Protein backbone atom coordinates (compact mmCIF):
# COMPACT_ATOMS: atom_id res chain seq x y z
CA MET A 1 -5.92 -63.50 20.74
CA SER A 2 -4.61 -60.43 22.56
CA LYS A 3 -6.70 -58.46 25.04
CA LYS A 4 -7.94 -55.03 24.08
CA ILE A 5 -5.43 -52.53 25.47
CA ALA A 6 -5.88 -48.80 24.99
CA PRO A 7 -2.77 -47.19 23.47
CA ALA A 8 -0.31 -45.32 25.68
CA GLU A 9 -1.13 -41.97 24.09
CA GLY A 10 -0.15 -38.66 25.66
CA LYS A 11 1.81 -38.04 28.83
CA LEU A 12 1.68 -40.22 31.95
CA GLY A 13 1.69 -38.40 35.28
CA ILE A 14 3.45 -40.09 38.19
CA LEU A 15 2.07 -39.02 41.58
CA LEU A 16 4.73 -39.68 44.23
CA VAL A 17 3.66 -39.75 47.87
CA GLY A 18 6.90 -38.78 49.58
CA LEU A 19 9.77 -36.92 47.97
CA GLY A 20 12.61 -38.49 49.92
CA ALA A 21 15.47 -40.77 48.95
CA VAL A 22 13.46 -43.31 46.93
CA SER A 23 11.39 -40.81 44.93
CA THR A 24 14.26 -38.46 44.14
CA THR A 25 16.51 -41.35 43.12
CA PHE A 26 13.74 -42.62 40.84
CA VAL A 27 13.05 -39.24 39.21
CA ALA A 28 16.74 -38.43 38.86
CA GLY A 29 17.37 -41.83 37.29
CA VAL A 30 14.58 -41.35 34.73
CA GLU A 31 15.95 -37.91 33.82
CA LEU A 32 19.49 -39.26 33.43
CA VAL A 33 18.35 -42.21 31.30
CA LYS A 34 16.18 -39.95 29.12
CA ARG A 35 19.27 -37.89 28.33
CA GLY A 36 21.40 -40.92 27.54
CA LEU A 37 23.60 -40.25 30.57
CA SER A 38 23.00 -43.56 32.35
CA VAL A 39 21.50 -47.05 32.06
CA PRO A 40 18.26 -48.23 33.78
CA MET A 41 19.82 -51.24 35.52
CA GLY A 42 17.40 -53.16 37.75
CA SER A 43 14.35 -52.36 35.60
CA LEU A 44 12.57 -55.30 33.99
CA THR A 45 10.49 -52.98 31.81
CA GLN A 46 13.56 -51.29 30.35
CA MET A 47 16.20 -54.03 30.22
CA GLY A 48 14.28 -57.30 30.43
CA HIS A 49 13.57 -59.67 27.54
CA ILE A 50 10.62 -62.04 27.29
CA ARG A 51 10.71 -65.35 25.44
CA LEU A 52 7.91 -66.05 22.97
CA GLY A 53 7.28 -69.51 21.54
CA LYS A 54 9.81 -72.34 21.54
CA ARG A 55 13.45 -71.99 22.52
CA THR A 56 14.42 -73.04 19.02
CA GLU A 57 12.63 -70.00 17.59
CA LYS A 58 14.98 -67.63 19.47
CA ASN A 59 12.30 -64.95 19.74
CA SER A 60 12.92 -62.87 22.88
CA PRO A 61 12.00 -59.22 22.38
CA LEU A 62 12.52 -56.55 25.00
CA VAL A 63 9.52 -56.27 27.31
CA LYS A 64 9.14 -52.59 26.41
CA ASP A 65 8.93 -53.56 22.72
CA PHE A 66 6.47 -56.39 23.39
CA VAL A 67 3.79 -54.65 25.47
CA PRO A 68 2.54 -51.08 24.91
CA LEU A 69 4.17 -49.26 27.82
CA ALA A 70 4.49 -45.52 28.32
CA GLN A 71 7.83 -44.15 27.15
CA LEU A 72 10.22 -42.52 29.62
CA GLU A 73 10.06 -39.33 27.55
CA ASP A 74 6.31 -39.14 28.29
CA LEU A 75 6.59 -39.23 32.10
CA SER A 76 5.80 -36.17 34.24
CA PHE A 77 6.07 -36.02 38.01
CA ALA A 78 4.21 -34.56 40.96
CA ALA A 79 4.76 -35.22 44.66
CA TRP A 80 3.68 -34.57 48.24
CA ASP A 81 6.03 -34.31 51.20
CA VAL A 82 6.12 -33.07 54.79
CA PHE A 83 9.24 -31.05 53.88
CA GLU A 84 9.04 -28.32 51.23
CA ASP A 85 12.41 -29.00 49.58
CA ASN A 86 12.24 -29.40 45.83
CA ALA A 87 13.47 -32.67 44.33
CA TYR A 88 17.00 -31.37 43.77
CA GLU A 89 17.34 -30.13 47.35
CA ALA A 90 15.81 -33.34 48.69
CA ALA A 91 18.14 -35.48 46.57
CA VAL A 92 21.19 -33.57 47.81
CA LYS A 93 20.10 -34.12 51.43
CA ALA A 94 19.36 -37.81 50.79
CA GLY A 95 22.93 -38.27 49.57
CA VAL A 96 22.18 -41.29 47.38
CA LEU A 97 23.46 -39.96 44.06
CA THR A 98 26.73 -38.12 43.51
CA PRO A 99 26.78 -34.32 43.21
CA GLU A 100 28.13 -34.79 39.68
CA ASP A 101 25.09 -36.81 38.60
CA LEU A 102 22.65 -34.46 40.30
CA GLU A 103 24.21 -31.39 38.70
CA LYS A 104 23.46 -32.82 35.24
CA ILE A 105 19.73 -32.78 35.96
CA LYS A 106 19.48 -29.93 38.43
CA GLU A 107 16.99 -27.99 36.32
CA PRO A 108 14.22 -30.61 36.02
CA LEU A 109 14.69 -31.73 39.62
CA SER A 110 14.46 -28.16 40.89
CA GLN A 111 11.13 -27.74 39.10
CA LEU A 112 9.56 -30.63 41.04
CA LYS A 113 8.18 -28.99 44.18
CA PRO A 114 5.98 -31.02 46.53
CA TYR A 115 2.43 -30.22 47.54
CA PRO A 116 1.82 -30.08 51.31
CA ALA A 117 1.40 -33.59 52.65
CA ALA A 118 -1.39 -35.34 54.50
CA PHE A 119 0.23 -36.03 57.86
CA ASP A 120 -0.74 -37.38 61.25
CA ARG A 121 2.15 -37.61 63.68
CA ASN A 122 0.42 -40.47 65.49
CA TYR A 123 1.29 -42.62 62.46
CA VAL A 124 4.91 -41.48 61.99
CA LYS A 125 6.20 -40.14 65.30
CA LYS A 126 9.82 -39.61 64.25
CA LEU A 127 9.04 -36.95 61.61
CA GLU A 128 8.30 -33.31 62.35
CA GLY A 129 7.65 -31.83 58.92
CA LYS A 130 5.80 -28.51 58.74
CA HIS A 131 4.75 -28.68 55.06
CA ILE A 132 1.42 -30.32 55.84
CA LYS A 133 -2.29 -29.98 55.13
CA THR A 134 -4.79 -28.86 57.73
CA GLY A 135 -8.43 -29.76 58.24
CA ASN A 136 -10.34 -32.93 58.96
CA ARG A 137 -9.85 -36.13 56.97
CA ARG A 138 -12.59 -35.37 54.45
CA GLU A 139 -11.10 -31.91 53.80
CA ILE A 140 -7.60 -33.35 53.43
CA ALA A 141 -8.81 -35.98 50.96
CA GLN A 142 -10.50 -33.25 48.93
CA SER A 143 -7.29 -31.21 49.06
CA ILE A 144 -5.33 -34.15 47.61
CA ILE A 145 -7.91 -34.45 44.82
CA ALA A 146 -7.53 -30.71 44.16
CA ASP A 147 -3.73 -31.12 43.97
CA ILE A 148 -4.16 -33.87 41.38
CA GLU A 149 -6.46 -31.67 39.30
CA ASP A 150 -3.98 -28.80 39.57
CA PHE A 151 -1.15 -31.03 38.34
CA LYS A 152 -3.26 -32.36 35.46
CA GLN A 153 -4.04 -28.87 34.27
CA LYS A 154 -0.49 -27.57 34.57
CA SER A 155 1.25 -30.62 33.08
CA GLY A 156 -1.24 -31.68 30.43
CA VAL A 157 -0.98 -35.37 31.34
CA SER A 158 -3.66 -37.66 29.95
CA ARG A 159 -3.26 -40.53 32.46
CA LEU A 160 -2.06 -40.86 36.06
CA VAL A 161 -0.61 -43.43 38.48
CA MET A 162 -0.04 -42.90 42.21
CA ILE A 163 2.67 -44.70 44.17
CA TRP A 164 3.43 -44.53 47.89
CA CYS A 165 7.16 -43.90 48.46
CA GLY A 166 6.69 -42.42 51.92
CA SER A 167 7.56 -43.63 55.38
CA THR A 168 6.22 -46.73 57.11
CA GLU A 169 3.18 -45.98 59.26
CA VAL A 170 2.54 -47.55 62.67
CA PHE A 171 1.05 -51.04 62.72
CA LEU A 172 -2.69 -50.99 62.10
CA LYS A 173 -5.39 -53.63 61.81
CA ALA A 174 -8.59 -53.18 59.84
CA GLY A 175 -11.40 -51.81 62.00
CA PRO A 176 -15.09 -50.89 61.62
CA ALA A 177 -14.37 -47.82 59.47
CA HIS A 178 -12.52 -49.94 56.92
CA GLN A 179 -15.16 -52.58 56.23
CA SER A 180 -17.05 -50.93 53.36
CA LEU A 181 -16.90 -47.85 51.18
CA SER A 182 -19.94 -46.38 52.93
CA THR A 183 -18.44 -46.83 56.43
CA PHE A 184 -15.12 -45.43 55.19
CA GLU A 185 -16.70 -42.29 53.69
CA LYS A 186 -18.76 -41.78 56.84
CA ALA A 187 -15.55 -42.08 58.87
CA LEU A 188 -13.94 -39.44 56.63
CA ASP A 189 -16.72 -37.02 57.53
CA GLN A 190 -16.26 -37.84 61.23
CA ASP A 191 -12.47 -37.36 61.05
CA ASP A 192 -12.02 -40.92 62.31
CA LYS A 193 -8.41 -41.33 63.48
CA SER A 194 -8.34 -44.96 62.29
CA ILE A 195 -8.07 -43.68 58.71
CA ALA A 196 -4.33 -43.40 58.11
CA PRO A 197 -2.80 -40.70 55.88
CA SER A 198 -1.85 -43.33 53.30
CA MET A 199 -5.52 -44.27 53.01
CA LEU A 200 -6.42 -40.66 52.21
CA TYR A 201 -4.06 -40.70 49.23
CA ALA A 202 -5.34 -44.08 48.06
CA TYR A 203 -8.95 -42.92 48.39
CA ALA A 204 -8.24 -39.73 46.43
CA ALA A 205 -6.56 -41.72 43.66
CA LEU A 206 -9.07 -44.54 43.40
CA LYS A 207 -12.02 -42.14 43.52
CA GLN A 208 -10.68 -40.72 40.24
CA GLY A 209 -9.81 -44.09 38.71
CA ILE A 210 -6.06 -43.63 39.23
CA PRO A 211 -4.06 -46.85 39.88
CA PHE A 212 -2.43 -47.01 43.31
CA ALA A 213 0.73 -48.93 44.25
CA ASN A 214 1.87 -49.22 47.87
CA GLY A 215 5.63 -49.31 48.39
CA ALA A 216 5.45 -49.53 52.21
CA PRO A 217 4.04 -52.19 54.55
CA ASN A 218 1.15 -49.91 55.59
CA LEU A 219 -2.38 -51.34 55.69
CA THR A 220 -3.61 -48.76 53.11
CA VAL A 221 -5.45 -50.64 50.30
CA ASP A 222 -5.59 -53.97 52.14
CA ILE A 223 -9.00 -52.96 53.49
CA PRO A 224 -12.40 -53.94 52.02
CA ALA A 225 -13.48 -50.31 51.65
CA LEU A 226 -10.74 -49.29 49.24
CA GLN A 227 -10.84 -52.60 47.37
CA GLU A 228 -14.55 -51.98 46.86
CA LEU A 229 -13.74 -48.53 45.50
CA ALA A 230 -11.08 -49.98 43.17
CA HIS A 231 -13.71 -52.33 41.68
CA GLU A 232 -16.29 -49.57 41.47
CA THR A 233 -13.95 -47.33 39.45
CA ASN A 234 -12.29 -50.20 37.50
CA THR A 235 -8.88 -49.36 38.91
CA PRO A 236 -5.79 -51.54 39.57
CA ILE A 237 -4.18 -51.69 43.02
CA SER A 238 -1.04 -53.50 44.15
CA GLY A 239 1.30 -53.74 47.12
CA LYS A 240 2.81 -53.84 49.57
CA ASP A 241 6.36 -52.91 50.63
CA PHE A 242 9.09 -52.74 47.97
CA LYS A 243 11.20 -55.91 47.90
CA THR A 244 14.74 -54.58 47.89
CA GLY A 245 17.63 -55.71 50.11
CA GLN A 246 17.46 -58.45 52.69
CA THR A 247 14.02 -59.75 51.74
CA LEU A 248 15.06 -59.90 48.09
CA MET A 249 17.91 -62.20 49.12
CA LYS A 250 15.50 -64.37 51.14
CA THR A 251 13.19 -64.85 48.16
CA ILE A 252 16.22 -65.87 46.09
CA LEU A 253 17.90 -68.19 48.62
CA ALA A 254 14.92 -69.85 50.33
CA PRO A 255 13.48 -71.32 47.09
CA GLY A 256 16.89 -72.90 46.44
CA PHE A 257 17.00 -74.53 49.86
CA LYS A 258 13.42 -75.72 49.42
CA ALA A 259 14.12 -77.11 45.92
CA ARG A 260 16.98 -79.23 47.31
CA TYR A 261 15.06 -80.18 50.50
CA LEU A 262 17.69 -78.74 52.81
CA GLY A 263 16.35 -78.15 56.31
CA LEU A 264 16.49 -74.89 58.24
CA SER A 265 16.71 -74.53 62.01
CA GLY A 266 17.29 -70.77 62.18
CA TRP A 267 17.45 -67.59 60.11
CA PHE A 268 18.61 -64.46 61.91
CA SER A 269 18.48 -61.14 60.03
CA THR A 270 19.66 -57.75 61.13
CA ASN A 271 19.92 -54.46 59.26
CA ILE A 272 21.60 -51.11 59.79
CA LEU A 273 20.18 -48.15 57.90
CA GLY A 274 20.70 -44.42 58.30
CA ASN A 275 18.21 -42.67 56.02
CA ARG A 276 14.76 -41.25 56.85
CA ASP A 277 13.25 -44.72 56.59
CA GLY A 278 15.73 -46.00 59.17
CA GLU A 279 14.88 -43.14 61.51
CA VAL A 280 11.15 -43.83 61.23
CA LEU A 281 11.66 -47.56 61.79
CA ASP A 282 13.57 -46.78 64.97
CA ASP A 283 10.15 -46.37 66.56
CA PRO A 284 8.86 -49.79 67.77
CA GLU A 285 5.31 -49.18 66.48
CA ASN A 286 6.56 -48.45 62.95
CA PHE A 287 9.04 -51.32 63.10
CA LYS A 288 6.22 -53.74 63.93
CA THR A 289 4.59 -52.90 60.58
CA LYS A 290 7.84 -53.65 58.77
CA GLU A 291 8.52 -56.75 60.88
CA GLU A 292 5.18 -58.27 59.92
CA SER A 293 6.08 -57.74 56.26
CA LYS A 294 9.55 -59.26 56.57
CA LEU A 295 8.59 -62.25 58.72
CA GLY A 296 5.85 -63.49 56.40
CA VAL A 297 8.18 -64.30 53.51
CA LEU A 298 9.71 -67.62 54.60
CA ASP A 299 6.55 -69.44 55.69
CA THR A 300 4.87 -69.39 52.30
CA ILE A 301 8.06 -70.36 50.48
CA LEU A 302 9.07 -73.19 52.81
CA GLN A 303 5.56 -74.50 53.67
CA PRO A 304 6.43 -75.85 57.15
CA THR A 305 3.06 -77.58 57.53
CA LEU A 306 3.89 -79.74 54.50
CA TYR A 307 7.53 -80.22 55.51
CA PRO A 308 7.59 -80.27 59.33
CA GLU A 309 10.85 -82.25 59.47
CA LEU A 310 12.61 -79.63 57.36
CA TYR A 311 11.06 -76.33 58.49
CA GLY A 312 8.66 -77.02 61.36
CA ASN A 313 11.06 -75.73 64.02
CA LEU A 314 12.57 -72.80 62.12
CA TYR A 315 13.43 -69.84 64.36
CA HIS A 316 13.17 -66.65 62.30
CA LYS A 317 14.28 -63.32 63.78
CA VAL A 318 14.43 -59.88 62.11
CA ARG A 319 16.00 -56.68 63.45
CA ILE A 320 16.40 -53.17 62.00
CA ASN A 321 18.77 -50.69 63.63
CA TYR A 322 18.98 -46.97 62.89
CA TYR A 323 22.61 -46.04 62.27
CA PRO A 324 22.95 -42.51 60.82
CA PRO A 325 26.55 -42.77 59.46
CA ARG A 326 25.41 -45.26 56.79
CA LYS A 327 22.74 -42.92 55.38
CA ASP A 328 21.09 -44.75 52.45
CA ASN A 329 23.74 -47.47 52.26
CA LYS A 330 21.99 -50.28 54.12
CA GLU A 331 23.76 -53.38 55.40
CA GLY A 332 21.71 -56.54 55.70
CA TRP A 333 23.40 -59.37 57.57
CA ASP A 334 21.96 -62.89 57.71
CA ASN A 335 22.99 -65.98 59.62
CA ILE A 336 21.34 -69.10 58.18
CA ASP A 337 21.52 -72.43 60.03
CA LEU A 338 21.02 -75.24 57.51
CA LEU A 339 20.43 -78.96 57.97
CA GLY A 340 21.72 -81.41 55.36
CA TRP A 341 21.80 -85.18 54.89
CA LEU A 342 20.97 -87.01 58.15
CA GLY A 343 20.33 -83.66 59.84
CA TYR A 344 23.99 -82.62 59.92
CA PRO A 345 24.28 -78.83 60.49
CA MET A 346 25.79 -76.27 58.13
CA GLN A 347 25.82 -72.48 58.02
CA ILE A 348 25.64 -69.69 55.46
CA LYS A 349 26.50 -66.06 56.21
CA VAL A 350 25.24 -63.29 53.93
CA ASP A 351 26.45 -59.71 54.25
CA PHE A 352 24.62 -57.58 51.69
CA LEU A 353 26.10 -54.08 51.49
CA CYS A 354 23.30 -52.62 49.46
CA ARG A 355 21.91 -49.22 48.56
CA ASP A 356 18.28 -49.05 49.58
CA SER A 357 17.04 -46.41 47.15
CA ILE A 358 19.19 -47.68 44.28
CA LEU A 359 17.38 -51.02 44.59
CA ALA A 360 13.95 -49.42 45.03
CA ALA A 361 14.04 -46.85 42.21
CA PRO A 362 13.74 -49.34 39.30
CA LEU A 363 10.86 -51.04 41.12
CA VAL A 364 9.03 -47.71 41.20
CA LEU A 365 9.55 -47.33 37.46
CA ASP A 366 8.29 -50.83 36.65
CA LEU A 367 5.29 -50.56 38.96
CA VAL A 368 4.04 -47.27 37.56
CA LEU A 369 4.45 -48.46 33.97
CA PHE A 370 2.76 -51.83 34.62
CA SER A 371 -0.02 -50.21 36.68
CA ASP A 372 -0.75 -47.89 33.78
CA LEU A 373 -0.73 -50.88 31.41
CA ALA A 374 -3.18 -52.74 33.68
CA LYS A 375 -5.54 -49.75 33.71
CA ARG A 376 -5.48 -49.48 29.91
CA ALA A 377 -6.08 -53.24 29.66
CA GLY A 378 -9.26 -52.99 31.75
CA MET A 379 -7.81 -54.83 34.77
CA ARG A 380 -9.17 -53.80 38.16
CA GLY A 381 -8.62 -54.55 41.81
CA ILE A 382 -5.68 -56.56 43.13
CA GLN A 383 -2.89 -57.19 40.60
CA GLU A 384 -1.24 -60.31 42.01
CA TRP A 385 1.00 -60.60 38.93
CA LEU A 386 2.95 -57.62 40.34
CA SER A 387 3.94 -59.65 43.45
CA PHE A 388 7.46 -59.79 41.97
CA TYR A 389 8.07 -56.30 43.37
CA TYR A 390 6.71 -56.63 46.92
CA LYS A 391 7.66 -58.11 50.29
CA SER A 392 3.98 -58.68 51.18
CA PRO A 393 2.07 -59.23 47.94
CA MET A 394 -1.66 -58.59 47.88
CA THR A 395 -3.88 -61.55 46.98
CA ALA A 396 -7.54 -62.42 46.78
CA PRO A 397 -9.17 -63.28 50.15
CA ASP A 398 -8.19 -66.71 51.54
CA LEU A 399 -5.41 -67.08 48.96
CA TYR A 400 -1.89 -67.30 50.35
CA PRO A 401 0.70 -65.03 48.69
CA GLU A 402 3.42 -66.50 46.49
CA HIS A 403 6.84 -65.27 47.69
CA ASN A 404 9.13 -67.41 45.53
CA LEU A 405 10.86 -64.81 43.31
CA PHE A 406 11.16 -67.20 40.37
CA ILE A 407 7.48 -68.19 40.43
CA GLN A 408 6.63 -64.50 40.74
CA GLU A 409 8.71 -63.72 37.64
CA MET A 410 6.99 -66.51 35.69
CA LYS A 411 3.57 -65.20 36.81
CA LEU A 412 4.46 -61.67 35.68
CA LYS A 413 5.77 -62.69 32.26
CA ASN A 414 2.93 -65.13 31.63
CA THR A 415 0.49 -62.31 32.41
CA LEU A 416 2.18 -60.18 29.75
CA ARG A 417 1.99 -63.09 27.27
CA TYR A 418 -1.69 -63.53 28.13
CA LEU A 419 -2.43 -59.86 27.55
CA MET A 420 -0.74 -59.96 24.16
CA GLY A 421 -2.33 -63.26 23.06
CA GLU A 422 0.89 -65.27 23.20
CA GLU A 423 1.23 -68.87 24.40
CA GLN A 424 2.11 -69.37 28.07
CA ILE A 425 5.60 -70.74 28.77
CA THR A 426 5.52 -73.81 31.04
CA HIS A 427 9.18 -74.86 30.67
CA LEU A 428 8.09 -78.48 30.21
CA GLY A 429 10.41 -78.90 27.23
CA ILE A 430 9.46 -82.49 26.48
CA GLU A 431 8.44 -81.57 22.95
CA TYR A 432 12.12 -81.28 22.01
CA TYR A 433 12.74 -84.97 22.62
CA ASN A 434 11.43 -88.17 21.06
CA ASN A 435 10.77 -90.01 24.32
CA PHE A 436 7.46 -91.67 23.55
CA LYS A 437 6.26 -94.22 21.04
CA ASP A 438 2.99 -93.57 19.24
């Protein structure tokens, strides 16, 4: 029996925090696909199929035909940014898409102009944007809420989702202000500097029952206060940090090594990146936030406490280097030191010449569509089934995150089957064979 899911009626508003390379590539891609000028490669919601029933039944509809998702034609966009460039101007400066592609959709991109951003330079020291809000933290949160109301009135959207596509903030641990909704709101009134700008956006969204997805490794909704608010307003949250280049490769390769019980003595990763994200991460305090996100992946996949002979002495190192000539074309280079039969050493080298925003844009699309689905299905709080999209998935307290990409995919698709009242797929397959006597 399927769960009760409200229909995807009316327009869905996408609230983008940050109108840089990722957001403009996402919006431009949606506009190109809507016009039949391109294909939404990388998007599970648009190109993925989901198997229902037995393999012999050959029933694998498209995901977008199986679950009631918002249509691309029904998406409208709003954004905040520390620079006042409209989406077309920002996309040109980002240099991700070709001028020819951008010219085809210049009109809708030019109409997307960002609201002034919530900004505290103590959290992102490498940016000097002037298109920012003033006032204390309570006033800024109220200003964000006012922006959302303004967008709703002008666009006529019936539902909303907010997604953080902004820069990585400095490393932050939960403190006294973050422990409950009451302490958080009191801290807002006191302009407590421990409340990061990303938290102001999340608070504004959750206060209005708007799902929030966190595409950066910021603390944001990992605090009890905002999780309490998400439950109070029956709102989904998910995060954190889009899983795109090098970490995507780790969550593909490491499960394979683990499945074949190959040992690992070392995994060295370095990146060069020249876009705004690379510039921000050139600051050690911001890099520490990203480093924590990247380093946590291998431990939960490899389980060194269960397999000390294989992974107990793994040396894992991650580096990110700002290199302006590459712009958005990131290079992730990995040296992997493997141990095979009898402990004999082997090596694998991976050189992933990827495009950061090209990999992130379809994740933004899937996350906003699935977050909207979760809201209409009455799901609230942490959405662990969306771990597939994140470097550091959110989980319930005391529950370790699942980083294995293939388990994450199974969890996501089984959640969709559950919502629609379909049987879970276990891949046991023994029913196809007559192996047992009665």
